Amino acid sequence: MILTLTLWASAAASFLAGQSTDAKPSYVPPQGVVPNKITALRIAKAVLMPIYGEKTVEAEEPFVVELKDGIWNVHGQLRPRPGGNLYVEISKKTGCILRIYGTE
């Protein structure tokens, strides 16, 4: 029991030692990390291809890219196909991928 606690305390101390207490926030450009449709589309395709495959992603073209409330919504054309259409939601400000999904 004491050995387990000692190992846990040692691991926690090592982890915390690597954490900076004076970390500075990352720079965010005034127009956001994802400033335009072209950038949003490139990011969406980059995350979709490893998940769904190149053929599936290309079959969705041309993609629709819309900005609403600071979120880029990127989705494939609405055509009937098994598995529905692909969607990606990306934060304009931070570039974070908020959701990836396919409609049914």
Protein backbone atom coordinates (compact mmCIF):
# COMPACT_ATOMS: atom_id res chain seq x y z
CA MET A 1 0.00 0.00 0.00
CA ILE A 2 2.78 2.43 0.95
CA LEU A 3 4.71 1.51 -2.20
CA THR A 4 1.61 2.17 -4.32
CA LEU A 5 1.08 5.58 -2.70
CA THR A 6 4.76 6.43 -3.10
CA LEU A 7 4.70 5.49 -6.79
CA TRP A 8 1.49 7.46 -7.33
CA ALA A 9 2.91 10.53 -5.54
CA SER A 10 6.11 10.30 -7.55
CA ALA A 11 4.21 10.05 -10.84
CA ALA A 12 1.96 12.97 -9.88
CA ALA A 13 4.96 15.11 -8.92
CA SER A 14 6.69 14.32 -12.22
CA PHE A 15 3.57 15.22 -14.16
CA LEU A 16 3.02 18.46 -12.27
CA ALA A 17 6.67 19.46 -12.62
CA GLY A 18 6.18 19.46 -16.39
CA GLN A 19 3.18 21.80 -16.12
CA SER A 20 3.94 25.50 -16.38
CA THR A 21 2.17 27.71 -13.87
CA ASP A 22 2.89 30.83 -15.91
CA ALA A 23 1.66 29.54 -19.28
CA LYS A 24 0.81 32.35 -21.65
CA PRO A 25 -2.29 32.21 -23.83
CA SER A 26 -1.82 31.43 -27.48
CA TYR A 27 -2.08 34.26 -30.01
CA VAL A 28 -5.46 34.45 -31.75
CA PRO A 29 -5.53 36.66 -34.86
CA PRO A 30 -8.30 39.28 -34.91
CA GLN A 31 -10.04 37.41 -37.75
CA GLY A 32 -9.67 34.09 -35.91
CA VAL A 33 -7.50 31.06 -36.56
CA VAL A 34 -9.84 29.97 -39.39
CA PRO A 35 -10.47 33.30 -41.16
CA ASN A 36 -12.18 32.16 -44.35
CA LYS A 37 -14.10 29.46 -46.23
CA ILE A 38 -11.03 28.09 -47.99
CA THR A 39 -9.24 27.42 -44.71
CA ALA A 40 -12.36 25.87 -43.15
CA LEU A 41 -12.80 23.55 -46.14
CA ARG A 42 -9.14 22.45 -46.05
CA ILE A 43 -9.38 21.64 -42.34
CA ALA A 44 -12.66 19.77 -42.79
CA LYS A 45 -11.27 17.62 -45.60
CA ALA A 46 -8.10 16.94 -43.62
CA VAL A 47 -10.09 15.50 -40.72
CA LEU A 48 -12.69 13.70 -42.83
CA MET A 49 -10.31 11.76 -45.12
CA PRO A 50 -8.70 9.55 -42.45
CA ILE A 51 -12.12 8.76 -41.00
CA TYR A 52 -14.27 8.22 -44.10
CA GLY A 53 -11.71 7.74 -46.87
CA GLU A 54 -10.77 9.81 -49.90
CA LYS A 55 -13.45 8.34 -52.20
CA THR A 56 -16.27 9.08 -49.78
CA VAL A 57 -15.08 12.64 -49.15
CA GLU A 58 -14.63 13.36 -52.87
CA ALA A 59 -18.14 12.00 -53.55
CA GLU A 60 -19.52 14.77 -51.29
CA GLU A 61 -18.06 17.59 -53.40
CA PRO A 62 -18.72 20.39 -53.82
CA PHE A 63 -18.92 21.08 -50.09
CA VAL A 64 -21.06 23.85 -48.63
CA VAL A 65 -19.16 26.12 -46.22
CA GLU A 66 -21.17 28.51 -44.03
CA LEU A 67 -20.27 30.66 -41.02
CA LYS A 68 -22.90 30.98 -38.29
CA ASP A 69 -22.32 32.36 -34.79
CA GLY A 70 -18.55 31.93 -35.05
CA ILE A 71 -18.78 28.29 -36.18
CA TRP A 72 -17.82 27.13 -39.66
CA ASN A 73 -20.30 24.49 -40.82
CA VAL A 74 -18.83 22.41 -43.63
CA HIS A 75 -20.98 19.74 -45.21
CA GLY A 76 -21.28 17.65 -48.33
CA GLN A 77 -23.99 18.07 -50.93
CA LEU A 78 -27.35 16.67 -50.03
CA ARG A 79 -27.62 13.60 -52.24
CA PRO A 80 -29.13 10.35 -51.16
CA ARG A 81 -26.37 7.92 -50.25
CA PRO A 82 -25.85 5.24 -47.61
CA GLY A 83 -24.64 6.83 -44.39
CA GLY A 84 -25.93 10.31 -45.27
CA ASN A 85 -23.79 13.39 -45.77
CA LEU A 86 -20.63 14.41 -43.93
CA TYR A 87 -20.56 17.41 -41.58
CA VAL A 88 -17.75 19.14 -39.72
CA GLU A 89 -18.14 22.07 -37.32
CA ILE A 90 -15.03 24.20 -36.68
CA SER A 91 -14.52 27.16 -34.34
CA LYS A 92 -13.55 30.24 -36.37
CA LYS A 93 -11.77 31.75 -33.38
CA THR A 94 -9.71 28.77 -32.21
CA GLY A 95 -9.74 26.27 -35.07
CA CYS A 96 -11.01 23.52 -32.75
CA ILE A 97 -13.03 20.75 -34.36
CA LEU A 98 -16.33 20.86 -32.49
CA ARG A 99 -18.19 18.01 -34.20
CA ILE A 100 -17.75 15.48 -36.99
CA TYR A 101 -20.75 13.48 -38.07
CA GLY A 102 -22.71 11.99 -40.95
CA THR A 103 -26.44 12.40 -41.43
CA GLU A 104 -28.60 9.36 -41.86
